[in-house]
Amino acid sequence: MLRAARLAVPVVLALLVGGCATPQQYLGIDTRTPLSPEDRARIEASLASGAQPANACPWPGPDGGLITVACEVMPPSLLAGLAWTANKPAALELGIRFEEGRGVPRDLEKARKLYRIAVISTGGTTFYYSPGANGNAGQLIPLFAPEEPGLAEAKARLEALPPPEHGAPSRSRKTLKAVQTTARR
């Protein structure tokens, strides 16, 4: 639950800040790349088919609201922007592309990172601390988000990936140091 709360806070803050918080690059992909006519045509064809995709990504609808489109037809730049906000279907699709080298260079470490994002269950109640001002006490503000389970396909793909190569950074130095310290005891 605590891990889910840690993931939810940056997402909520990113949504509150809006476009200012969107990175220019995520995992080496420029998120500002405009849609090509071919990309737009693929998305429009997917929408026109009327099929409900299993892995759906948000897309601006004609009335200004959000509708869903199959993540498979989205370009890497849009998937990267969505994956950065912990959108599970986008993270899964971009992970698949990194694993297969489809539209992006093949990179199993990036695929592994994206699959981990898609596997984590999120949602529930998270508390955000709002500091006091002008002598007023701070307060905890509950943020409610619907519970969203991790994606089974991402879990299966993560487990099927080969182990990281020797010398590849699979853990942070801090975590590695803690493991080594514990092993010595």
N, C-alpha and C. Protein backbone atom coordinates (compact mmCIF):
# COMPACT_ATOMS: atom_id res chain seq x y z
N MET A 1 0.82 -1.19 0.00
CA MET A 1 0.00 0.00 0.00
C MET A 1 0.87 1.26 0.00
N LEU A 2 1.94 1.24 0.80
CA LEU A 2 2.82 2.40 0.87
C LEU A 2 3.49 2.65 -0.48
N ARG A 3 3.86 1.55 -1.17
CA ARG A 3 4.48 1.71 -2.47
C ARG A 3 3.50 2.33 -3.47
N ALA A 4 2.25 1.90 -3.41
CA ALA A 4 1.23 2.47 -4.28
C ALA A 4 1.03 3.95 -3.98
N ALA A 5 1.08 4.30 -2.70
CA ALA A 5 0.92 5.71 -2.32
C ALA A 5 2.08 6.53 -2.86
N ARG A 6 3.29 5.99 -2.81
CA ARG A 6 4.45 6.71 -3.33
C ARG A 6 4.33 6.96 -4.83
N LEU A 7 3.72 6.01 -5.54
CA LEU A 7 3.54 6.20 -6.97
C LEU A 7 2.40 7.15 -7.28
N ALA A 8 1.37 7.14 -6.46
CA ALA A 8 0.19 7.96 -6.73
C ALA A 8 0.48 9.44 -6.54
N VAL A 9 1.29 9.79 -5.56
CA VAL A 9 1.54 11.21 -5.27
C VAL A 9 2.17 11.92 -6.46
N PRO A 10 3.24 11.39 -7.11
CA PRO A 10 3.78 12.11 -8.26
C PRO A 10 2.78 12.23 -9.40
N VAL A 11 1.97 11.19 -9.59
CA VAL A 11 0.98 11.24 -10.67
C VAL A 11 -0.05 12.33 -10.38
N VAL A 12 -0.54 12.39 -9.15
CA VAL A 12 -1.52 13.41 -8.79
C VAL A 12 -0.91 14.80 -8.91
N LEU A 13 0.32 14.96 -8.45
CA LEU A 13 0.98 16.26 -8.56
C LEU A 13 1.19 16.65 -10.02
N ALA A 14 1.55 15.68 -10.85
CA ALA A 14 1.73 15.96 -12.27
C ALA A 14 0.41 16.41 -12.89
N LEU A 15 -0.69 15.77 -12.48
CA LEU A 15 -2.00 16.17 -13.01
C LEU A 15 -2.38 17.57 -12.53
N LEU A 16 -2.04 17.90 -11.29
CA LEU A 16 -2.35 19.22 -10.76
C LEU A 16 -1.55 20.31 -11.44
N VAL A 17 -0.29 20.03 -11.72
CA VAL A 17 0.57 21.02 -12.35
C VAL A 17 0.25 21.13 -13.84
N GLY A 18 -0.20 20.05 -14.42
CA GLY A 18 -0.60 20.08 -15.82
C GLY A 18 0.57 19.93 -16.76
N GLY A 19 0.53 20.63 -17.88
CA GLY A 19 1.54 20.53 -18.91
C GLY A 19 2.93 20.92 -18.46
N CYS A 20 3.05 21.71 -17.42
CA CYS A 20 4.36 22.15 -16.95
C CYS A 20 5.20 20.97 -16.48
N ALA A 21 4.57 19.91 -16.03
CA ALA A 21 5.31 18.80 -15.44
C ALA A 21 5.67 17.72 -16.46
N THR A 22 5.19 17.83 -17.68
CA THR A 22 5.48 16.81 -18.68
C THR A 22 6.94 16.91 -19.09
N PRO A 23 7.67 15.79 -19.05
CA PRO A 23 9.07 15.85 -19.42
C PRO A 23 9.23 16.05 -20.93
N GLN A 24 10.37 16.60 -21.32
CA GLN A 24 10.64 16.72 -22.74
C GLN A 24 11.11 15.39 -23.31
N GLN A 25 11.75 14.58 -22.45
CA GLN A 25 12.17 13.25 -22.86
C GLN A 25 11.88 12.26 -21.75
N TYR A 26 11.52 11.06 -22.14
CA TYR A 26 11.33 9.98 -21.18
C TYR A 26 11.92 8.73 -21.79
N LEU A 27 12.87 8.12 -21.11
CA LEU A 27 13.58 6.93 -21.59
C LEU A 27 14.19 7.16 -22.97
N GLY A 28 14.67 8.38 -23.20
CA GLY A 28 15.33 8.71 -24.46
C GLY A 28 14.38 9.02 -25.61
N ILE A 29 13.09 9.11 -25.35
CA ILE A 29 12.11 9.40 -26.40
C ILE A 29 11.62 10.83 -26.20
N ASP A 30 11.67 11.64 -27.26
CA ASP A 30 11.19 13.02 -27.20
C ASP A 30 9.66 13.00 -27.16
N THR A 31 9.10 13.45 -26.03
CA THR A 31 7.64 13.43 -25.88
C THR A 31 6.96 14.59 -26.61
N ARG A 32 7.74 15.50 -27.16
CA ARG A 32 7.16 16.66 -27.87
C ARG A 32 7.05 16.43 -29.37
N THR A 33 7.44 15.25 -29.85
CA THR A 33 7.40 14.97 -31.28
C THR A 33 5.95 15.06 -31.77
N PRO A 34 5.71 15.91 -32.78
CA PRO A 34 4.33 16.02 -33.28
C PRO A 34 3.89 14.75 -34.00
N LEU A 35 2.59 14.54 -34.04
CA LEU A 35 2.04 13.38 -34.74
C LEU A 35 2.25 13.52 -36.24
N SER A 36 2.72 12.45 -36.86
CA SER A 36 2.85 12.46 -38.31
C SER A 36 1.47 12.17 -38.90
N PRO A 37 1.26 12.50 -40.17
CA PRO A 37 -0.03 12.16 -40.80
C PRO A 37 -0.31 10.66 -40.76
N GLU A 38 0.76 9.84 -40.87
CA GLU A 38 0.58 8.38 -40.82
C GLU A 38 0.11 7.93 -39.43
N ASP A 39 0.73 8.52 -38.38
CA ASP A 39 0.32 8.18 -37.01
C ASP A 39 -1.13 8.57 -36.77
N ARG A 40 -1.49 9.77 -37.20
CA ARG A 40 -2.87 10.24 -37.02
C ARG A 40 -3.84 9.33 -37.77
N ALA A 41 -3.48 8.91 -38.98
CA ALA A 41 -4.35 8.04 -39.78
C ALA A 41 -4.54 6.68 -39.08
N ARG A 42 -3.45 6.13 -38.49
CA ARG A 42 -3.57 4.85 -37.77
C ARG A 42 -4.51 5.00 -36.57
N ILE A 43 -4.39 6.10 -35.84
CA ILE A 43 -5.25 6.33 -34.68
C ILE A 43 -6.69 6.50 -35.11
N GLU A 44 -6.91 7.28 -36.15
CA GLU A 44 -8.27 7.52 -36.67
C GLU A 44 -8.90 6.20 -37.15
N ALA A 45 -8.11 5.36 -37.82
CA ALA A 45 -8.64 4.07 -38.30
C ALA A 45 -9.01 3.18 -37.12
N SER A 46 -8.20 3.21 -36.07
CA SER A 46 -8.50 2.41 -34.87
C SER A 46 -9.80 2.89 -34.22
N LEU A 47 -9.97 4.20 -34.16
CA LEU A 47 -11.20 4.75 -33.59
C LEU A 47 -12.42 4.42 -34.45
N ALA A 48 -12.23 4.48 -35.77
CA ALA A 48 -13.35 4.21 -36.69
C ALA A 48 -13.78 2.75 -36.64
N SER A 49 -12.87 1.85 -36.28
CA SER A 49 -13.22 0.42 -36.24
C SER A 49 -14.27 0.13 -35.17
N GLY A 50 -14.32 0.99 -34.15
CA GLY A 50 -15.32 0.81 -33.09
C GLY A 50 -15.00 -0.30 -32.11
N ALA A 51 -13.90 -1.02 -32.33
CA ALA A 51 -13.53 -2.11 -31.42
C ALA A 51 -13.00 -1.54 -30.11
N GLN A 52 -13.35 -2.20 -29.01
CA GLN A 52 -12.83 -1.80 -27.70
C GLN A 52 -11.50 -2.51 -27.49
N PRO A 53 -10.40 -1.75 -27.47
CA PRO A 53 -9.10 -2.39 -27.31
C PRO A 53 -8.90 -2.94 -25.90
N ALA A 54 -8.16 -4.04 -25.82
CA ALA A 54 -7.85 -4.62 -24.50
C ALA A 54 -6.93 -3.68 -23.72
N ASN A 55 -5.90 -3.19 -24.38
CA ASN A 55 -5.00 -2.21 -23.76
C ASN A 55 -5.29 -0.86 -24.38
N ALA A 56 -6.04 -0.04 -23.64
CA ALA A 56 -6.49 1.23 -24.18
C ALA A 56 -5.74 2.39 -23.55
N CYS A 57 -5.40 3.36 -24.40
CA CYS A 57 -4.75 4.58 -23.96
C CYS A 57 -5.71 5.74 -24.17
N PRO A 58 -5.62 6.77 -23.34
CA PRO A 58 -6.53 7.92 -23.50
C PRO A 58 -6.18 8.74 -24.75
N TRP A 59 -7.22 9.30 -25.34
CA TRP A 59 -7.07 10.12 -26.54
C TRP A 59 -8.13 11.22 -26.48
N PRO A 60 -7.81 12.46 -26.87
CA PRO A 60 -8.82 13.53 -26.82
C PRO A 60 -9.98 13.25 -27.78
N GLY A 61 -11.18 13.28 -27.24
CA GLY A 61 -12.36 13.03 -28.05
C GLY A 61 -12.86 14.28 -28.74
N PRO A 62 -13.82 14.15 -29.64
CA PRO A 62 -14.34 15.29 -30.39
C PRO A 62 -15.04 16.33 -29.50
N ASP A 63 -15.58 15.87 -28.36
CA ASP A 63 -16.29 16.80 -27.47
C ASP A 63 -15.37 17.40 -26.41
N GLY A 64 -14.06 17.13 -26.51
CA GLY A 64 -13.12 17.66 -25.53
C GLY A 64 -12.83 16.70 -24.39
N GLY A 65 -13.64 15.64 -24.26
CA GLY A 65 -13.39 14.64 -23.22
C GLY A 65 -12.37 13.63 -23.70
N LEU A 66 -12.12 12.64 -22.88
CA LEU A 66 -11.18 11.59 -23.26
C LEU A 66 -11.91 10.35 -23.74
N ILE A 67 -11.41 9.76 -24.80
CA ILE A 67 -11.90 8.47 -25.28
C ILE A 67 -10.70 7.53 -25.28
N THR A 68 -10.90 6.27 -25.60
CA THR A 68 -9.79 5.33 -25.59
C THR A 68 -9.47 4.86 -27.00
N VAL A 69 -8.19 4.61 -27.21
CA VAL A 69 -7.69 4.10 -28.48
C VAL A 69 -6.70 2.99 -28.15
N ALA A 70 -6.55 2.05 -29.05
CA ALA A 70 -5.60 0.95 -28.84
C ALA A 70 -4.19 1.51 -28.72
N CYS A 71 -3.50 1.16 -27.64
CA CYS A 71 -2.13 1.64 -27.44
C CYS A 71 -1.22 1.21 -28.58
N GLU A 72 -1.52 0.06 -29.22
CA GLU A 72 -0.67 -0.47 -30.28
C GLU A 72 -0.52 0.48 -31.46
N VAL A 73 -1.50 1.37 -31.67
CA VAL A 73 -1.43 2.27 -32.83
C VAL A 73 -0.80 3.61 -32.49
N MET A 74 -0.47 3.83 -31.25
CA MET A 74 0.09 5.12 -30.84
C MET A 74 1.60 5.16 -31.09
N PRO A 75 2.13 6.32 -31.48
CA PRO A 75 3.57 6.44 -31.68
C PRO A 75 4.32 6.44 -30.35
N PRO A 76 5.60 6.10 -30.37
CA PRO A 76 6.38 6.06 -29.13
C PRO A 76 6.36 7.36 -28.33
N SER A 77 6.32 8.49 -29.00
CA SER A 77 6.34 9.77 -28.27
C SER A 77 5.11 9.93 -27.38
N LEU A 78 3.94 9.53 -27.86
CA LEU A 78 2.73 9.62 -27.04
C LEU A 78 2.74 8.57 -25.93
N LEU A 79 3.21 7.36 -26.26
CA LEU A 79 3.29 6.31 -25.24
C LEU A 79 4.25 6.71 -24.12
N ALA A 80 5.37 7.33 -24.47
CA ALA A 80 6.34 7.74 -23.46
C ALA A 80 5.75 8.78 -22.52
N GLY A 81 5.01 9.74 -23.06
CA GLY A 81 4.37 10.74 -22.21
C GLY A 81 3.35 10.12 -21.27
N LEU A 82 2.60 9.14 -21.75
CA LEU A 82 1.62 8.46 -20.91
C LEU A 82 2.29 7.53 -19.89
N ALA A 83 3.33 6.82 -20.32
CA ALA A 83 4.04 5.92 -19.42
C ALA A 83 4.68 6.71 -18.28
N TRP A 84 5.13 7.91 -18.56
CA TRP A 84 5.73 8.76 -17.53
C TRP A 84 4.73 9.05 -16.41
N THR A 85 3.45 9.11 -16.74
CA THR A 85 2.41 9.36 -15.73
C THR A 85 1.90 8.07 -15.11
N ALA A 86 2.60 6.96 -15.35
CA ALA A 86 2.27 5.64 -14.81
C ALA A 86 1.00 5.06 -15.42
N ASN A 87 0.70 5.40 -16.67
CA ASN A 87 -0.41 4.79 -17.38
C ASN A 87 0.00 3.35 -17.72
N LYS A 88 -0.66 2.39 -17.10
CA LYS A 88 -0.25 0.99 -17.21
C LYS A 88 -0.30 0.46 -18.64
N PRO A 89 -1.39 0.63 -19.40
CA PRO A 89 -1.40 0.10 -20.77
C PRO A 89 -0.31 0.73 -21.65
N ALA A 90 -0.06 2.02 -21.48
CA ALA A 90 1.00 2.68 -22.27
C ALA A 90 2.37 2.15 -21.88
N ALA A 91 2.60 1.95 -20.57
CA ALA A 91 3.88 1.41 -20.11
C ALA A 91 4.08 -0.01 -20.66
N LEU A 92 3.02 -0.82 -20.65
CA LEU A 92 3.11 -2.18 -21.19
C LEU A 92 3.46 -2.14 -22.68
N GLU A 93 2.75 -1.35 -23.45
CA GLU A 93 2.99 -1.29 -24.90
C GLU A 93 4.39 -0.78 -25.21
N LEU A 94 4.83 0.26 -24.51
CA LEU A 94 6.17 0.79 -24.76
C LEU A 94 7.23 -0.23 -24.32
N GLY A 95 6.96 -0.95 -23.24
CA GLY A 95 7.86 -2.01 -22.82
C GLY A 95 7.99 -3.09 -23.88
N ILE A 96 6.87 -3.47 -24.48
CA ILE A 96 6.89 -4.48 -25.56
C ILE A 96 7.74 -3.97 -26.72
N ARG A 97 7.58 -2.70 -27.04
CA ARG A 97 8.36 -2.15 -28.16
C ARG A 97 9.85 -2.13 -27.84
N PHE A 98 10.21 -1.79 -26.62
CA PHE A 98 11.63 -1.83 -26.24
C PHE A 98 12.14 -3.27 -26.24
N GLU A 99 11.32 -4.21 -25.80
CA GLU A 99 11.73 -5.62 -25.78
C GLU A 99 11.95 -6.14 -27.20
N GLU A 100 11.07 -5.76 -28.11
CA GLU A 100 11.14 -6.27 -29.48
C GLU A 100 11.95 -5.39 -30.42
N GLY A 101 12.27 -4.15 -29.98
CA GLY A 101 12.98 -3.23 -30.85
C GLY A 101 12.09 -2.71 -31.97
N ARG A 102 10.81 -2.54 -31.68
CA ARG A 102 9.83 -2.10 -32.68
C ARG A 102 9.59 -0.59 -32.56
N GLY A 103 10.18 0.20 -33.46
CA GLY A 103 10.00 1.65 -33.44
C GLY A 103 10.94 2.37 -32.48
N VAL A 104 11.65 1.62 -31.66
CA VAL A 104 12.64 2.16 -30.71
C VAL A 104 13.80 1.16 -30.67
N PRO A 105 14.98 1.61 -30.25
CA PRO A 105 16.09 0.64 -30.13
C PRO A 105 15.77 -0.43 -29.09
N ARG A 106 16.18 -1.67 -29.36
CA ARG A 106 15.93 -2.76 -28.41
C ARG A 106 16.72 -2.51 -27.14
N ASP A 107 16.02 -2.52 -26.00
CA ASP A 107 16.66 -2.25 -24.71
C ASP A 107 15.87 -2.99 -23.63
N LEU A 108 16.41 -4.10 -23.17
CA LEU A 108 15.69 -4.92 -22.20
C LEU A 108 15.60 -4.26 -20.83
N GLU A 109 16.56 -3.42 -20.47
CA GLU A 109 16.48 -2.72 -19.18
C GLU A 109 15.33 -1.72 -19.17
N LYS A 110 15.14 -1.01 -20.28
CA LYS A 110 14.01 -0.08 -20.37
C LYS A 110 12.69 -0.85 -20.39
N ALA A 111 12.68 -1.99 -21.08
CA ALA A 111 11.47 -2.83 -21.10
C ALA A 111 11.16 -3.28 -19.68
N ARG A 112 12.18 -3.72 -18.95
CA ARG A 112 12.01 -4.18 -17.57
C ARG A 112 11.43 -3.06 -16.70
N LYS A 113 11.95 -1.85 -16.85
CA LYS A 113 11.47 -0.70 -16.07
C LYS A 113 9.99 -0.43 -16.37
N LEU A 114 9.63 -0.47 -17.63
CA LEU A 114 8.24 -0.19 -18.02
C LEU A 114 7.30 -1.30 -17.56
N TYR A 115 7.73 -2.55 -17.64
CA TYR A 115 6.90 -3.66 -17.16
C TYR A 115 6.66 -3.52 -15.66
N ARG A 116 7.67 -3.07 -14.93
CA ARG A 116 7.49 -2.89 -13.47
C ARG A 116 6.44 -1.82 -13.18
N ILE A 117 6.41 -0.78 -14.00
CA ILE A 117 5.39 0.26 -13.83
C ILE A 117 4.00 -0.33 -14.06
N ALA A 118 3.87 -1.16 -15.11
CA ALA A 118 2.57 -1.74 -15.47
C ALA A 118 2.11 -2.82 -14.50
N VAL A 119 3.03 -3.42 -13.75
CA VAL A 119 2.69 -4.51 -12.83
C VAL A 119 2.15 -4.01 -11.50
N ILE A 120 2.55 -2.83 -11.08
CA ILE A 120 2.22 -2.33 -9.74
C ILE A 120 0.74 -1.97 -9.64
N SER A 121 0.09 -2.46 -8.60
CA SER A 121 -1.29 -2.07 -8.32
C SER A 121 -1.25 -0.69 -7.67
N THR A 122 -2.14 0.16 -8.11
CA THR A 122 -2.18 1.54 -7.58
C THR A 122 -3.60 1.90 -7.18
N GLY A 123 -3.73 3.05 -6.59
CA GLY A 123 -5.03 3.58 -6.22
C GLY A 123 -5.29 3.49 -4.74
N GLY A 124 -6.51 3.76 -4.36
CA GLY A 124 -6.88 3.79 -2.96
C GLY A 124 -6.71 5.20 -2.40
N THR A 125 -6.65 5.31 -1.11
CA THR A 125 -6.53 6.61 -0.47
C THR A 125 -5.06 6.91 -0.17
N THR A 126 -4.64 8.07 -0.59
CA THR A 126 -3.30 8.56 -0.31
C THR A 126 -3.46 9.89 0.42
N PHE A 127 -2.61 10.13 1.38
CA PHE A 127 -2.68 11.39 2.11
C PHE A 127 -1.56 12.30 1.69
N TYR A 128 -1.91 13.54 1.41
CA TYR A 128 -0.97 14.57 0.98
C TYR A 128 -0.91 15.61 2.09
N TYR A 129 0.30 15.99 2.51
CA TYR A 129 0.44 16.98 3.56
C TYR A 129 0.51 18.37 2.94
N SER A 130 -0.37 19.23 3.38
CA SER A 130 -0.39 20.62 2.95
C SER A 130 0.14 21.46 4.10
N PRO A 131 1.32 22.07 3.97
CA PRO A 131 1.89 22.84 5.08
C PRO A 131 1.03 24.05 5.41
N GLY A 132 1.06 24.43 6.67
CA GLY A 132 0.31 25.60 7.11
C GLY A 132 0.96 26.89 6.61
N ALA A 133 0.19 27.95 6.65
CA ALA A 133 0.69 29.26 6.24
C ALA A 133 0.11 30.31 7.18
N ASN A 134 0.85 31.36 7.38
CA ASN A 134 0.39 32.48 8.22
C ASN A 134 -0.03 32.03 9.61
N GLY A 135 0.75 31.15 10.21
CA GLY A 135 0.47 30.70 11.57
C GLY A 135 -0.57 29.59 11.67
N ASN A 136 -1.17 29.21 10.57
CA ASN A 136 -2.15 28.12 10.58
C ASN A 136 -1.43 26.78 10.51
N ALA A 137 -2.01 25.79 11.16
CA ALA A 137 -1.42 24.46 11.18
C ALA A 137 -1.57 23.80 9.81
N GLY A 138 -0.64 22.92 9.49
CA GLY A 138 -0.74 22.15 8.26
C GLY A 138 -1.83 21.09 8.41
N GLN A 139 -2.17 20.47 7.32
CA GLN A 139 -3.22 19.45 7.39
C GLN A 139 -2.94 18.34 6.38
N LEU A 140 -3.47 17.17 6.69
CA LEU A 140 -3.41 16.06 5.76
C LEU A 140 -4.67 16.07 4.91
N ILE A 141 -4.47 15.99 3.61
CA ILE A 141 -5.60 16.01 2.69
C ILE A 141 -5.69 14.64 2.03
N PRO A 142 -6.81 13.93 2.18
CA PRO A 142 -6.92 12.62 1.53
C PRO A 142 -7.17 12.77 0.03
N LEU A 143 -6.45 12.01 -0.75
CA LEU A 143 -6.66 11.96 -2.19
C LEU A 143 -7.18 10.56 -2.51
N PHE A 144 -8.31 10.51 -3.16
CA PHE A 144 -8.94 9.23 -3.47
C PHE A 144 -8.75 8.92 -4.95
N ALA A 145 -8.29 7.73 -5.23
CA ALA A 145 -8.13 7.29 -6.61
C ALA A 145 -8.68 5.87 -6.69
N PRO A 146 -9.34 5.54 -7.79
CA PRO A 146 -9.85 4.18 -7.91
C PRO A 146 -8.70 3.19 -7.92
N GLU A 147 -8.92 2.04 -7.29
CA GLU A 147 -7.89 1.01 -7.27
C GLU A 147 -7.74 0.44 -8.67
N GLU A 148 -6.50 0.31 -9.08
CA GLU A 148 -6.20 -0.19 -10.41
C GLU A 148 -5.19 -1.32 -10.28
N PRO A 149 -5.59 -2.54 -10.56
CA PRO A 149 -4.65 -3.66 -10.42
C PRO A 149 -3.56 -3.61 -11.48
N GLY A 150 -2.46 -4.26 -11.18
CA GLY A 150 -1.38 -4.37 -12.16
C GLY A 150 -1.82 -5.25 -13.32
N LEU A 151 -1.12 -5.16 -14.43
CA LEU A 151 -1.49 -5.92 -15.63
C LEU A 151 -0.80 -7.28 -15.64
N ALA A 152 -1.59 -8.32 -15.80
CA ALA A 152 -1.07 -9.69 -15.80
C ALA A 152 -0.09 -9.91 -16.96
N GLU A 153 -0.37 -9.33 -18.12
CA GLU A 153 0.54 -9.50 -19.26
C GLU A 153 1.91 -8.90 -18.97
N ALA A 154 1.93 -7.76 -18.27
CA ALA A 154 3.21 -7.14 -17.92
C ALA A 154 3.98 -8.04 -16.96
N LYS A 155 3.28 -8.67 -16.02
CA LYS A 155 3.93 -9.57 -15.07
C LYS A 155 4.53 -10.76 -15.81
N ALA A 156 3.78 -11.34 -16.73
CA ALA A 156 4.27 -12.49 -17.49
C ALA A 156 5.48 -12.11 -18.33
N ARG A 157 5.44 -10.95 -18.97
CA ARG A 157 6.56 -10.51 -19.80
C ARG A 157 7.79 -10.20 -18.95
N LEU A 158 7.57 -9.60 -17.78
CA LEU A 158 8.68 -9.28 -16.88
C LEU A 158 9.37 -10.56 -16.42
N GLU A 159 8.57 -11.56 -16.07
CA GLU A 159 9.13 -12.84 -15.62
C GLU A 159 9.83 -13.59 -16.75
N ALA A 160 9.39 -13.36 -18.00
CA ALA A 160 9.98 -14.07 -19.14
C ALA A 160 11.28 -13.43 -19.63
N LEU A 161 11.55 -12.20 -19.23
CA LEU A 161 12.78 -11.54 -19.66
C LEU A 161 13.99 -12.27 -19.09
N PRO A 162 15.08 -12.33 -19.86
CA PRO A 162 16.29 -12.94 -19.31
C PRO A 162 16.82 -12.07 -18.17
N PRO A 163 17.57 -12.67 -17.26
CA PRO A 163 18.12 -11.86 -16.16
C PRO A 163 19.04 -10.78 -16.72
N PRO A 164 19.21 -9.69 -15.98
CA PRO A 164 20.11 -8.62 -16.46
C PRO A 164 21.51 -9.18 -16.70
N GLU A 165 22.18 -8.63 -17.71
CA GLU A 165 23.53 -9.07 -18.03
C GLU A 165 24.47 -8.74 -16.88
N HIS A 166 25.55 -9.49 -16.80
CA HIS A 166 26.56 -9.24 -15.77
C HIS A 166 27.07 -7.81 -15.92
N GLY A 167 27.04 -7.08 -14.84
CA GLY A 167 27.50 -5.70 -14.84
C GLY A 167 26.41 -4.69 -15.15
N ALA A 168 25.24 -5.16 -15.54
CA ALA A 168 24.14 -4.23 -15.81
C ALA A 168 23.57 -3.76 -14.49
N PRO A 169 23.25 -2.47 -14.39
CA PRO A 169 22.74 -1.95 -13.12
C PRO A 169 21.30 -2.39 -12.88
N SER A 170 21.11 -3.48 -12.12
CA SER A 170 19.77 -3.97 -11.86
C SER A 170 19.22 -3.40 -10.56
N ARG A 171 20.08 -2.91 -9.70
CA ARG A 171 19.65 -2.31 -8.44
C ARG A 171 20.43 -1.02 -8.21
N SER A 172 19.88 -0.15 -7.42
CA SER A 172 20.59 1.07 -7.09
C SER A 172 21.78 0.73 -6.20
N ARG A 173 22.75 1.60 -6.15
CA ARG A 173 23.93 1.36 -5.31
C ARG A 173 23.55 1.27 -3.84
N LYS A 174 22.59 2.10 -3.44
CA LYS A 174 22.14 2.09 -2.04
C LYS A 174 21.54 0.73 -1.68
N THR A 175 20.69 0.20 -2.56
CA THR A 175 20.07 -1.10 -2.32
C THR A 175 21.13 -2.19 -2.30
N LEU A 176 22.06 -2.13 -3.25
CA LEU A 176 23.12 -3.12 -3.31
C LEU A 176 23.97 -3.09 -2.05
N LYS A 177 24.29 -1.90 -1.56
CA LYS A 177 25.08 -1.76 -0.34
C LYS A 177 24.33 -2.36 0.85
N ALA A 178 23.01 -2.13 0.93
CA ALA A 178 22.21 -2.68 2.03
C ALA A 178 22.19 -4.20 1.98
N VAL A 179 22.09 -4.76 0.79
CA VAL A 179 22.09 -6.22 0.63
C VAL A 179 23.44 -6.79 1.05
N GLN A 180 24.52 -6.12 0.62
CA GLN A 180 25.86 -6.60 0.99
C GLN A 180 26.09 -6.52 2.48
N THR A 181 25.63 -5.43 3.12
CA THR A 181 25.78 -5.26 4.57
C THR A 181 25.02 -6.34 5.31
N THR A 182 23.79 -6.64 4.86
CA THR A 182 22.98 -7.67 5.48
C THR A 182 23.62 -9.04 5.30
N ALA A 183 24.22 -9.29 4.15
CA ALA A 183 24.83 -10.58 3.87
C ALA A 183 26.05 -10.83 4.77
N ARG A 184 26.77 -9.77 5.12
CA ARG A 184 27.94 -9.91 5.98
C ARG A 184 27.57 -10.28 7.40
N ARG A 185 26.37 -9.93 7.84
CA ARG A 185 25.94 -10.18 9.22
C ARG A 185 25.65 -11.59 9.45
